[in-house]
């Protein structure tokens, strides 16, 4: 697969079937974050706020990197990694826009 084909496959995943099946990254990753927080809360230190949707995108990316690192990687891992990075980047931009709107109101 070429770089372009990997990115096209990732775009198809995050904008197509997976979006239709699981909803937007904001909603789906937010739900994953809620489940992970519920699971991890008993072992979290008091000063740790918790996991958010951007953390989910990053951590799922790390999962794909771990799979790639085994030496038994598949093109699908790279496609998913690109997709998680794209979703994380979009989530960051949405958060930045929300912060900017809040700054303008004050």
PDB file of N, CA and C in Angstrom:
ATOM      1  N   UNK A   1       0.840  -1.191   0.000  1.00  0.00           N
ATOM      2  CA  UNK A   1       0.000   0.000   0.000  1.00  0.00           C
ATOM      3  C   UNK A   1       0.878   1.245   0.000  1.00  0.00           C
ATOM      4  N   UNK A   2       0.466   2.233  -0.751  1.00  0.00           N
ATOM      5  CA  UNK A   2       1.176   3.510  -0.734  1.00  0.00           C
ATOM      6  C   UNK A   2       0.673   4.352   0.430  1.00  0.00           C
ATOM      7  N   UNK A   3       1.392   5.436   0.738  1.00  0.00           N
ATOM      8  CA  UNK A   3       0.941   6.358   1.799  1.00  0.00           C
ATOM      9  C   UNK A   3      -0.462   6.862   1.499  1.00  0.00           C
ATOM     10  N   UNK A   4      -0.679   7.230   0.252  1.00  0.00           N
ATOM     11  CA  UNK A   4      -1.984   7.759  -0.149  1.00  0.00           C
ATOM     12  C   UNK A   4      -3.084   6.721   0.069  1.00  0.00           C
ATOM     13  N   UNK A   5      -2.803   5.473  -0.257  1.00  0.00           N
ATOM     14  CA  UNK A   5      -3.798   4.411  -0.077  1.00  0.00           C
ATOM     15  C   UNK A   5      -4.096   4.175   1.403  1.00  0.00           C
ATOM     16  N   UNK A   6      -3.070   4.243   2.248  1.00  0.00           N
ATOM     17  CA  UNK A   6      -3.284   4.092   3.691  1.00  0.00           C
ATOM     18  C   UNK A   6      -4.187   5.210   4.199  1.00  0.00           C
ATOM     19  N   UNK A   7      -3.897   6.444   3.799  1.00  0.00           N
ATOM     20  CA  UNK A   7      -4.712   7.579   4.250  1.00  0.00           C
ATOM     21  C   UNK A   7      -6.131   7.505   3.697  1.00  0.00           C
ATOM     22  N   UNK A   8      -6.280   7.069   2.456  1.00  0.00           N
ATOM     23  CA  UNK A   8      -7.618   6.924   1.882  1.00  0.00           C
ATOM     24  C   UNK A   8      -8.410   5.851   2.620  1.00  0.00           C
ATOM     25  N   UNK A   9      -7.750   4.744   2.959  1.00  0.00           N
ATOM     26  CA  UNK A   9      -8.421   3.682   3.708  1.00  0.00           C
ATOM     27  C   UNK A   9      -8.820   4.168   5.099  1.00  0.00           C
ATOM     28  N   UNK A  10      -7.946   4.939   5.739  1.00  0.00           N
ATOM     29  CA  UNK A  10      -8.268   5.494   7.062  1.00  0.00           C
ATOM     30  C   UNK A  10      -9.441   6.458   6.959  1.00  0.00           C
ATOM     31  N   UNK A  11      -9.437   7.306   5.931  1.00  0.00           N
ATOM     32  CA  UNK A  11     -10.543   8.255   5.739  1.00  0.00           C
ATOM     33  C   UNK A  11     -11.849   7.508   5.525  1.00  0.00           C
ATOM     34  N   UNK A  12     -11.804   6.431   4.766  1.00  0.00           N
ATOM     35  CA  UNK A  12     -13.011   5.633   4.531  1.00  0.00           C
ATOM     36  C   UNK A  12     -13.535   5.055   5.845  1.00  0.00           C
ATOM     37  N   UNK A  13     -12.621   4.603   6.695  1.00  0.00           N
ATOM     38  CA  UNK A  13     -13.026   4.034   7.989  1.00  0.00           C
ATOM     39  C   UNK A  13     -13.661   5.082   8.893  1.00  0.00           C
ATOM     40  N   UNK A  14     -12.991   6.206   9.067  1.00  0.00           N
ATOM     41  CA  UNK A  14     -13.478   7.184  10.044  1.00  0.00           C
ATOM     42  C   UNK A  14     -14.651   8.006   9.525  1.00  0.00           C
ATOM     43  N   UNK A  15     -14.830   8.067   8.215  1.00  0.00           N
ATOM     44  CA  UNK A  15     -15.932   8.846   7.653  1.00  0.00           C
ATOM     45  C   UNK A  15     -17.053   7.981   7.107  1.00  0.00           C
ATOM     46  N   UNK A  16     -16.884   6.674   7.119  1.00  0.00           N
ATOM     47  CA  UNK A  16     -17.856   5.793   6.493  1.00  0.00           C
ATOM     48  C   UNK A  16     -18.489   4.823   7.460  1.00  0.00           C
ATOM     49  N   UNK A  17     -18.159   3.538   7.259  1.00  0.00           N
ATOM     50  CA  UNK A  17     -18.811   2.469   8.011  1.00  0.00           C
ATOM     51  C   UNK A  17     -18.702   2.633   9.518  1.00  0.00           C
ATOM     52  N   UNK A  18     -17.519   2.924  10.007  1.00  0.00           N
ATOM     53  CA  UNK A  18     -17.351   3.017  11.460  1.00  0.00           C
ATOM     54  C   UNK A  18     -18.121   4.194  12.026  1.00  0.00           C
ATOM     55  N   UNK A  19     -18.133   5.308  11.298  1.00  0.00           N
ATOM     56  CA  UNK A  19     -18.914   6.475  11.730  1.00  0.00           C
ATOM     57  C   UNK A  19     -20.393   6.086  11.805  1.00  0.00           C
ATOM     58  N   UNK A  20     -20.870   5.363  10.783  1.00  0.00           N
ATOM     59  CA  UNK A  20     -22.274   4.954  10.755  1.00  0.00           C
ATOM     60  C   UNK A  20     -22.582   3.934  11.844  1.00  0.00           C
ATOM     61  N   UNK A  21     -21.663   2.999  12.077  1.00  0.00           N
ATOM     62  CA  UNK A  21     -21.900   1.944  13.061  1.00  0.00           C
ATOM     63  C   UNK A  21     -21.782   2.428  14.500  1.00  0.00           C
ATOM     64  N   UNK A  22     -20.782   3.267  14.774  1.00  0.00           N
ATOM     65  CA  UNK A  22     -20.463   3.611  16.157  1.00  0.00           C
ATOM     66  C   UNK A  22     -20.693   5.069  16.519  1.00  0.00           C
ATOM     67  N   UNK A  23     -21.041   5.903  15.555  1.00  0.00           N
ATOM     68  CA  UNK A  23     -21.266   7.319  15.830  1.00  0.00           C
ATOM     69  C   UNK A  23     -19.994   8.133  15.691  1.00  0.00           C
ATOM     70  N   UNK A  24     -20.106   9.388  16.040  1.00  0.00           N
ATOM     71  CA  UNK A  24     -18.980  10.316  15.900  1.00  0.00           C
ATOM     72  C   UNK A  24     -17.876   9.965  16.894  1.00  0.00           C
ATOM     73  N   UNK A  25     -16.623  10.348  16.576  1.00  0.00           N
ATOM     74  CA  UNK A  25     -15.549  10.121  17.543  1.00  0.00           C
ATOM     75  C   UNK A  25     -15.833  10.811  18.879  1.00  0.00           C
ATOM     76  N   UNK A  26     -16.432  12.004  18.830  1.00  0.00           N
ATOM     77  CA  UNK A  26     -16.742  12.707  20.082  1.00  0.00           C
ATOM     78  C   UNK A  26     -17.605  11.835  20.981  1.00  0.00           C
ATOM     79  N   UNK A  27     -18.674  11.258  20.420  1.00  0.00           N
ATOM     80  CA  UNK A  27     -19.585  10.451  21.225  1.00  0.00           C
ATOM     81  C   UNK A  27     -18.992   9.089  21.575  1.00  0.00           C
ATOM     82  N   UNK A  28     -18.430   8.399  20.589  1.00  0.00           N
ATOM     83  CA  UNK A  28     -17.911   7.062  20.831  1.00  0.00           C
ATOM     84  C   UNK A  28     -16.702   7.077  21.754  1.00  0.00           C
ATOM     85  N   UNK A  29     -15.738   7.961  21.489  1.00  0.00           N
ATOM     86  CA  UNK A  29     -14.555   8.033  22.347  1.00  0.00           C
ATOM     87  C   UNK A  29     -14.936   8.557  23.730  1.00  0.00           C
ATOM     88  N   UNK A  30     -15.931   9.427  23.808  1.00  0.00           N
ATOM     89  CA  UNK A  30     -16.414   9.900  25.105  1.00  0.00           C
ATOM     90  C   UNK A  30     -16.980   8.758  25.932  1.00  0.00           C
ATOM     91  N   UNK A  31     -17.717   7.856  25.271  1.00  0.00           N
ATOM     92  CA  UNK A  31     -18.268   6.694  25.959  1.00  0.00           C
ATOM     93  C   UNK A  31     -17.149   5.758  26.420  1.00  0.00           C
ATOM     94  N   UNK A  32     -16.172   5.525  25.551  1.00  0.00           N
ATOM     95  CA  UNK A  32     -15.022   4.699  25.934  1.00  0.00           C
ATOM     96  C   UNK A  32     -14.317   5.324  27.140  1.00  0.00           C
ATOM     97  N   UNK A  33     -14.130   6.640  27.116  1.00  0.00           N
ATOM     98  CA  UNK A  33     -13.483   7.332  28.239  1.00  0.00           C
ATOM     99  C   UNK A  33     -14.273   7.126  29.527  1.00  0.00           C
ATOM    100  N   UNK A  34     -15.594   7.205  29.451  1.00  0.00           N
ATOM    101  CA  UNK A  34     -16.426   7.004  30.643  1.00  0.00           C
ATOM    102  C   UNK A  34     -16.243   5.591  31.201  1.00  0.00           C
ATOM    103  N   UNK A  35     -16.220   4.591  30.319  1.00  0.00           N
ATOM    104  CA  UNK A  35     -16.011   3.215  30.774  1.00  0.00           C
ATOM    105  C   UNK A  35     -14.612   3.029  31.359  1.00  0.00           C
ATOM    106  N   UNK A  36     -13.599   3.577  30.684  1.00  0.00           N
ATOM    107  CA  UNK A  36     -12.228   3.446  31.189  1.00  0.00           C
ATOM    108  C   UNK A  36     -12.080   4.158  32.525  1.00  0.00           C
ATOM    109  N   UNK A  37     -12.696   5.327  32.674  1.00  0.00           N
ATOM    110  CA  UNK A  37     -12.631   6.043  33.952  1.00  0.00           C
ATOM    111  C   UNK A  37     -13.292   5.239  35.062  1.00  0.00           C
ATOM    112  N   UNK A  38     -14.449   4.641  34.772  1.00  0.00           N
ATOM    113  CA  UNK A  38     -15.133   3.832  35.781  1.00  0.00           C
ATOM    114  C   UNK A  38     -14.261   2.647  36.198  1.00  0.00           C
ATOM    115  N   UNK A  39     -13.604   2.043  35.233  1.00  0.00           N
ATOM    116  CA  UNK A  39     -12.739   0.898  35.517  1.00  0.00           C
ATOM    117  C   UNK A  39     -11.491   1.314  36.290  1.00  0.00           C
ATOM    118  N   UNK A  40     -10.894   2.445  35.911  1.00  0.00           N
ATOM    119  CA  UNK A  40      -9.627   2.884  36.502  1.00  0.00           C
ATOM    120  C   UNK A  40      -9.780   3.700  37.785  1.00  0.00           C
ATOM    121  N   UNK A  41     -10.953   4.246  38.036  1.00  0.00           N
ATOM    122  CA  UNK A  41     -11.142   5.152  39.171  1.00  0.00           C
ATOM    123  C   UNK A  41     -10.621   4.598  40.494  1.00  0.00           C
ATOM    124  N   UNK A  42     -10.861   3.333  40.827  1.00  0.00           N
ATOM    125  CA  UNK A  42     -10.361   2.837  42.112  1.00  0.00           C
ATOM    126  C   UNK A  42      -8.841   2.916  42.264  1.00  0.00           C
ATOM    127  N   UNK A  43      -8.103   2.882  41.166  1.00  0.00           N
ATOM    128  CA  UNK A  43      -6.642   2.909  41.287  1.00  0.00           C
ATOM    129  C   UNK A  43      -6.045   4.260  40.899  1.00  0.00           C
ATOM    130  N   UNK A  44      -6.874   5.271  40.609  1.00  0.00           N
ATOM    131  CA  UNK A  44      -6.357   6.599  40.253  1.00  0.00           C
ATOM    132  C   UNK A  44      -5.991   7.379  41.506  1.00  0.00           C
ATOM    133  N   UNK A  45      -4.935   8.142  41.376  1.00  0.00           N
ATOM    134  CA  UNK A  45      -4.567   9.038  42.463  1.00  0.00           C
ATOM    135  C   UNK A  45      -5.529  10.219  42.475  1.00  0.00           C
ATOM    136  N   UNK A  46      -5.744  10.846  43.624  1.00  0.00           N
ATOM    137  CA  UNK A  46      -6.713  11.940  43.724  1.00  0.00           C
ATOM    138  C   UNK A  46      -6.450  13.108  42.775  1.00  0.00           C
ATOM    139  N   UNK A  47      -5.207  13.362  42.408  1.00  0.00           N
ATOM    140  CA  UNK A  47      -4.909  14.517  41.568  1.00  0.00           C
ATOM    141  C   UNK A  47      -5.090  14.238  40.074  1.00  0.00           C
ATOM    142  N   UNK A  48      -5.453  13.020  39.714  1.00  0.00           N
ATOM    143  CA  UNK A  48      -5.682  12.685  38.309  1.00  0.00           C
ATOM    144  C   UNK A  48      -7.154  12.901  37.993  1.00  0.00           C
ATOM    145  N   UNK A  49      -7.408  13.736  37.016  1.00  0.00           N
ATOM    146  CA  UNK A  49      -8.781  14.099  36.669  1.00  0.00           C
ATOM    147  C   UNK A  49      -9.495  12.959  35.965  1.00  0.00           C
ATOM    148  N   UNK A  50      -8.848  12.323  35.034  1.00  0.00           N
ATOM    149  CA  UNK A  50      -9.464  11.223  34.303  1.00  0.00           C
ATOM    150  C   UNK A  50      -9.096  11.263  32.836  1.00  0.00           C
ATOM    151  N   UNK A  51      -9.691  10.378  32.098  1.00  0.00           N
ATOM    152  CA  UNK A  51      -9.423  10.213  30.679  1.00  0.00           C
ATOM    153  C   UNK A  51     -10.513  10.920  29.891  1.00  0.00           C
ATOM    154  N   UNK A  52     -10.112  11.622  28.812  1.00  0.00           N
ATOM    155  CA  UNK A  52     -11.112  12.246  27.943  1.00  0.00           C
ATOM    156  C   UNK A  52     -11.037  11.617  26.553  1.00  0.00           C
ATOM    157  N   UNK A  53     -11.861  12.103  25.641  1.00  0.00           N
ATOM    158  CA  UNK A  53     -11.941  11.502  24.312  1.00  0.00           C
ATOM    159  C   UNK A  53     -10.623  11.599  23.550  1.00  0.00           C
ATOM    160  N   UNK A  54      -9.854  12.675  23.752  1.00  0.00           N
ATOM    161  CA  UNK A  54      -8.539  12.788  23.098  1.00  0.00           C
ATOM    162  C   UNK A  54      -7.580  11.739  23.644  1.00  0.00           C
ATOM    163  N   UNK A  55      -7.645  11.467  24.948  1.00  0.00           N
ATOM    164  CA  UNK A  55      -6.818  10.411  25.532  1.00  0.00           C
ATOM    165  C   UNK A  55      -7.151   9.060  24.901  1.00  0.00           C
ATOM    166  N   UNK A  56      -8.442   8.830  24.660  1.00  0.00           N
ATOM    167  CA  UNK A  56      -8.862   7.575  24.036  1.00  0.00           C
ATOM    168  C   UNK A  56      -8.237   7.446  22.652  1.00  0.00           C
ATOM    169  N   UNK A  57      -8.290   8.515  21.866  1.00  0.00           N
ATOM    170  CA  UNK A  57      -7.681   8.480  20.528  1.00  0.00           C
ATOM    171  C   UNK A  57      -6.190   8.171  20.629  1.00  0.00           C
ATOM    172  N   UNK A  58      -5.499   8.821  21.558  1.00  0.00           N
ATOM    173  CA  UNK A  58      -4.059   8.602  21.728  1.00  0.00           C
ATOM    174  C   UNK A  58      -3.766   7.183  22.210  1.00  0.00           C
ATOM    175  N   UNK A  59      -4.541   6.711  23.166  1.00  0.00           N
ATOM    176  CA  UNK A  59      -4.286   5.390  23.732  1.00  0.00           C
ATOM    177  C   UNK A  59      -4.602   4.274  22.731  1.00  0.00           C
ATOM    178  N   UNK A  60      -5.642   4.468  21.918  1.00  0.00           N
ATOM    179  CA  UNK A  60      -5.917   3.485  20.871  1.00  0.00           C
ATOM    180  C   UNK A  60      -4.803   3.502  19.831  1.00  0.00           C
ATOM    181  N   UNK A  61      -4.254   4.686  19.568  1.00  0.00           N
ATOM    182  CA  UNK A  61      -3.090   4.781  18.692  1.00  0.00           C
ATOM    183  C   UNK A  61      -1.913   4.003  19.266  1.00  0.00           C
ATOM    184  N   UNK A  62      -1.705   4.111  20.577  1.00  0.00           N
ATOM    185  CA  UNK A  62      -0.626   3.362  21.231  1.00  0.00           C
ATOM    186  C   UNK A  62      -0.857   1.854  21.136  1.00  0.00           C
ATOM    187  N   UNK A  63      -2.115   1.440  21.219  1.00  0.00           N
ATOM    188  CA  UNK A  63      -2.436   0.028  21.036  1.00  0.00           C
ATOM    189  C   UNK A  63      -1.974  -0.443  19.661  1.00  0.00           C
ATOM    190  N   UNK A  64      -2.250   0.353  18.642  1.00  0.00           N
ATOM    191  CA  UNK A  64      -1.835  -0.011  17.285  1.00  0.00           C
ATOM    192  C   UNK A  64      -0.310  -0.014  17.166  1.00  0.00           C
ATOM    193  N   UNK A  65       0.356   0.942  17.803  1.00  0.00           N
ATOM    194  CA  UNK A  65       1.820   0.980  17.781  1.00  0.00           C
ATOM    195  C   UNK A  65       2.387  -0.269  18.460  1.00  0.00           C
ATOM    196  N   UNK A  66       1.774  -0.694  19.554  1.00  0.00           N
ATOM    197  CA  UNK A  66       2.225  -1.910  20.237  1.00  0.00           C
ATOM    198  C   UNK A  66       2.083  -3.124  19.328  1.00  0.00           C
ATOM    199  N   UNK A  67       1.000  -3.180  18.580  1.00  0.00           N
ATOM    200  CA  UNK A  67       0.814  -4.303  17.658  1.00  0.00           C
ATOM    201  C   UNK A  67       1.853  -4.264  16.543  1.00  0.00           C
ATOM    202  N   UNK A  68       2.130  -3.070  16.038  1.00  0.00           N
ATOM    203  CA  UNK A  68       3.141  -2.914  14.989  1.00  0.00           C
ATOM    204  C   UNK A  68       4.510  -3.335  15.522  1.00  0.00           C
ATOM    205  N   UNK A  69       4.800  -2.997  16.782  1.00  0.00           N
ATOM    206  CA  UNK A  69       6.111  -3.268  17.382  1.00  0.00           C
ATOM    207  C   UNK A  69       6.390  -4.760  17.544  1.00  0.00           C
ATOM    208  N   UNK A  70       5.362  -5.590  17.522  1.00  0.00           N
ATOM    209  CA  UNK A  70       5.579  -7.031  17.662  1.00  0.00           C
ATOM    210  C   UNK A  70       6.263  -7.632  16.451  1.00  0.00           C
ATOM    211  N   UNK A  71       6.300  -6.875  15.351  1.00  0.00           N
ATOM    212  CA  UNK A  71       6.880  -7.406  14.126  1.00  0.00           C
ATOM    213  C   UNK A  71       5.899  -8.220  13.311  1.00  0.00           C
ATOM    214  N   UNK A  72       4.691  -8.369  13.825  1.00  0.00           N
ATOM    215  CA  UNK A  72       3.648  -9.104  13.115  1.00  0.00           C
ATOM    216  C   UNK A  72       2.559  -8.146  12.645  1.00  0.00           C
ATOM    217  N   UNK A  73       2.961  -6.909  12.411  1.00  0.00           N
ATOM    218  CA  UNK A  73       1.999  -5.885  12.026  1.00  0.00           C
ATOM    219  C   UNK A  73       1.350  -6.168  10.689  1.00  0.00           C
ATOM    220  N   UNK A  74       0.227  -5.558  10.514  1.00  0.00           N
ATOM    221  CA  UNK A  74      -0.516  -5.655   9.263  1.00  0.00           C
ATOM    222  C   UNK A  74      -0.819  -4.240   8.804  1.00  0.00           C
ATOM    223  N   UNK A  75      -1.096  -4.088   7.532  1.00  0.00           N
ATOM    224  CA  UNK A  75      -1.434  -2.763   6.998  1.00  0.00           C
ATOM    225  C   UNK A  75      -2.610  -2.163   7.756  1.00  0.00           C
ATOM    226  N   UNK A  76      -3.529  -3.007   8.207  1.00  0.00           N
ATOM    227  CA  UNK A  76      -4.702  -2.528   8.940  1.00  0.00           C
ATOM    228  C   UNK A  76      -4.312  -1.752  10.195  1.00  0.00           C
ATOM    229  N   UNK A  77      -3.233  -2.169  10.869  1.00  0.00           N
ATOM    230  CA  UNK A  77      -2.784  -1.439  12.058  1.00  0.00           C
ATOM    231  C   UNK A  77      -2.367  -0.022  11.704  1.00  0.00           C
ATOM    232  N   UNK A  78      -1.681   0.145  10.578  1.00  0.00           N
ATOM    233  CA  UNK A  78      -1.253   1.473  10.140  1.00  0.00           C
ATOM    234  C   UNK A  78      -2.456   2.316   9.730  1.00  0.00           C
ATOM    235  N   UNK A  79      -3.417   1.689   9.077  1.00  0.00           N
ATOM    236  CA  UNK A  79      -4.634   2.407   8.674  1.00  0.00           C
ATOM    237  C   UNK A  79      -5.374   2.895   9.912  1.00  0.00           C
ATOM    238  N   UNK A  80      -5.557   2.001  10.882  1.00  0.00           N
ATOM    239  CA  UNK A  80      -6.247   2.383  12.115  1.00  0.00           C
ATOM    240  C   UNK A  80      -5.488   3.470  12.865  1.00  0.00           C
ATOM    241  N   UNK A  81      -4.149   3.359  12.905  1.00  0.00           N
ATOM    242  CA  UNK A  81      -3.334   4.377  13.571  1.00  0.00           C
ATOM    243  C   UNK A  81      -3.570   5.745  12.938  1.00  0.00           C
ATOM    244  N   UNK A  82      -3.577   5.797  11.605  1.00  0.00           N
ATOM    245  CA  UNK A  82      -3.844   7.063  10.909  1.00  0.00           C
ATOM    246  C   UNK A  82      -5.247   7.569  11.222  1.00  0.00           C
ATOM    247  N   UNK A  83      -6.204   6.661  11.294  1.00  0.00           N
ATOM    248  CA  UNK A  83      -7.573   7.050  11.618  1.00  0.00           C
ATOM    249  C   UNK A  83      -7.701   7.607  13.028  1.00  0.00           C
ATOM    250  N   UNK A  84      -7.064   6.950  14.003  1.00  0.00           N
ATOM    251  CA  UNK A  84      -7.107   7.454  15.378  1.00  0.00           C
ATOM    252  C   UNK A  84      -6.428   8.814  15.488  1.00  0.00           C
ATOM    253  N   UNK A  85      -5.321   8.990  14.764  1.00  0.00           N
ATOM    254  CA  UNK A  85      -4.637  10.290  14.768  1.00  0.00           C
ATOM    255  C   UNK A  85      -5.537  11.369  14.172  1.00  0.00           C
ATOM    256  N   UNK A  86      -6.231  11.044  13.094  1.00  0.00           N
ATOM    257  CA  UNK A  86      -7.136  12.018  12.475  1.00  0.00           C
ATOM    258  C   UNK A  86      -8.270  12.386  13.421  1.00  0.00           C
ATOM    259  N   UNK A  87      -8.838  11.394  14.084  1.00  0.00           N
ATOM    260  CA  UNK A  87      -9.918  11.669  15.043  1.00  0.00           C
ATOM    261  C   UNK A  87      -9.406  12.506  16.209  1.00  0.00           C
ATOM    262  N   UNK A  88      -8.228  12.172  16.726  1.00  0.00           N
ATOM    263  CA  UNK A  88      -7.647  12.947  17.824  1.00  0.00           C
ATOM    264  C   UNK A  88      -7.384  14.385  17.421  1.00  0.00           C
ATOM    265  N   UNK A  89      -6.879  14.585  16.208  1.00  0.00           N
ATOM    266  CA  UNK A  89      -6.644  15.942  15.720  1.00  0.00           C
ATOM    267  C   UNK A  89      -7.926  16.739  15.608  1.00  0.00           C
ATOM    268  N   UNK A  90      -8.979  16.095  15.131  1.00  0.00           N
ATOM    269  CA  UNK A  90     -10.276  16.777  15.033  1.00  0.00           C
ATOM    270  C   UNK A  90     -10.821  17.119  16.414  1.00  0.00           C
ATOM    271  N   UNK A  91     -10.715  16.180  17.346  1.00  0.00           N
ATOM    272  CA  UNK A  91     -11.181  16.439  18.711  1.00  0.00           C
ATOM    273  C   UNK A  91     -10.428  17.607  19.333  1.00  0.00           C
ATOM    274  N   UNK A  92      -9.131  17.687  19.088  1.00  0.00           N
ATOM    275  CA  UNK A  92      -8.320  18.795  19.606  1.00  0.00           C
ATOM    276  C   UNK A  92      -8.792  20.119  19.021  1.00  0.00           C
ATOM    277  N   UNK A  93      -9.075  20.146  17.727  1.00  0.00           N
ATOM    278  CA  UNK A  93      -9.541  21.387  17.098  1.00  0.00           C
ATOM    279  C   UNK A  93     -10.891  21.823  17.646  1.00  0.00           C
ATOM    280  N   UNK A  94     -11.781  20.872  17.877  1.00  0.00           N
ATOM    281  CA  UNK A  94     -13.086  21.200  18.458  1.00  0.00           C
ATOM    282  C   UNK A  94     -12.895  21.788  19.849  1.00  0.00           C
ATOM    283  N   UNK A  95     -12.006  21.183  20.636  1.00  0.00           N
ATOM    284  CA  UNK A  95     -11.738  21.693  21.987  1.00  0.00           C
ATOM    285  C   UNK A  95     -11.125  23.091  21.940  1.00  0.00           C
ATOM    286  N   UNK A  96     -10.191  23.309  21.010  1.00  0.00           N
ATOM    287  CA  UNK A  96      -9.576  24.635  20.866  1.00  0.00           C
ATOM    288  C   UNK A  96     -10.622  25.679  20.494  1.00  0.00           C
ATOM    289  N   UNK A  97     -11.528  25.334  19.587  1.00  0.00           N
ATOM    290  CA  UNK A  97     -12.580  26.266  19.178  1.00  0.00           C
ATOM    291  C   UNK A  97     -13.501  26.583  20.347  1.00  0.00           C
ATOM    292  N   UNK A  98     -13.813  25.575  21.149  1.00  0.00           N
ATOM    293  CA  UNK A  98     -14.667  25.781  22.318  1.00  0.00           C
ATOM    294  C   UNK A  98     -13.981  26.697  23.326  1.00  0.00           C
ATOM    295  N   UNK A  99     -12.671  26.479  23.539  1.00  0.00           N
ATOM    296  CA  UNK A  99     -11.920  27.353  24.453  1.00  0.00           C
ATOM    297  C   UNK A  99     -11.896  28.784  23.928  1.00  0.00           C
ATOM    298  N   UNK A 100     -11.690  28.947  22.629  1.00  0.00           N
ATOM    299  CA  UNK A 100     -11.643  30.287  22.025  1.00  0.00           C
ATOM    300  C   UNK A 100     -12.970  31.004  22.187  1.00  0.00           C
ATOM    301  N   UNK A 101     -14.068  30.274  21.998  1.00  0.00           N
ATOM    302  CA  UNK A 101     -15.389  30.874  22.188  1.00  0.00           C
ATOM    303  C   UNK A 101     -15.568  31.323  23.628  1.00  0.00           C
ATOM    304  N   UNK A 102     -15.087  30.515  24.572  1.00  0.00           N
ATOM    305  CA  UNK A 102     -15.172  30.877  25.983  1.00  0.00           C
ATOM    306  C   UNK A 102     -14.348  32.102  26.300  1.00  0.00           C
ATOM    307  N   UNK A 103     -13.168  32.219  25.682  1.00  0.00           N
ATOM    308  CA  UNK A 103     -12.307  33.385  25.893  1.00  0.00           C
ATOM    309  C   UNK A 103     -12.956  34.652  25.356  1.00  0.00           C
ATOM    310  N   UNK A 104     -13.668  34.546  24.237  1.00  0.00           N
ATOM    311  CA  UNK A 104     -14.310  35.713  23.636  1.00  0.00           C
ATOM    312  C   UNK A 104     -15.457  36.224  24.491  1.00  0.00           C
ATOM    313  N   UNK A 105     -16.089  35.352  25.248  1.00  0.00           N
ATOM    314  CA  UNK A 105     -17.230  35.743  26.081  1.00  0.00           C
ATOM    315  C   UNK A 105     -16.800  36.473  27.341  1.00  0.00           C
ATOM    316  N   UNK A 106     -15.552  36.270  27.759  1.00  0.00           N
ATOM    317  CA  UNK A 106     -15.106  36.899  29.011  1.00  0.00           C
ATOM    318  C   UNK A 106     -14.442  38.223  28.757  1.00  0.00           C
TER     319      UNK A 106
END
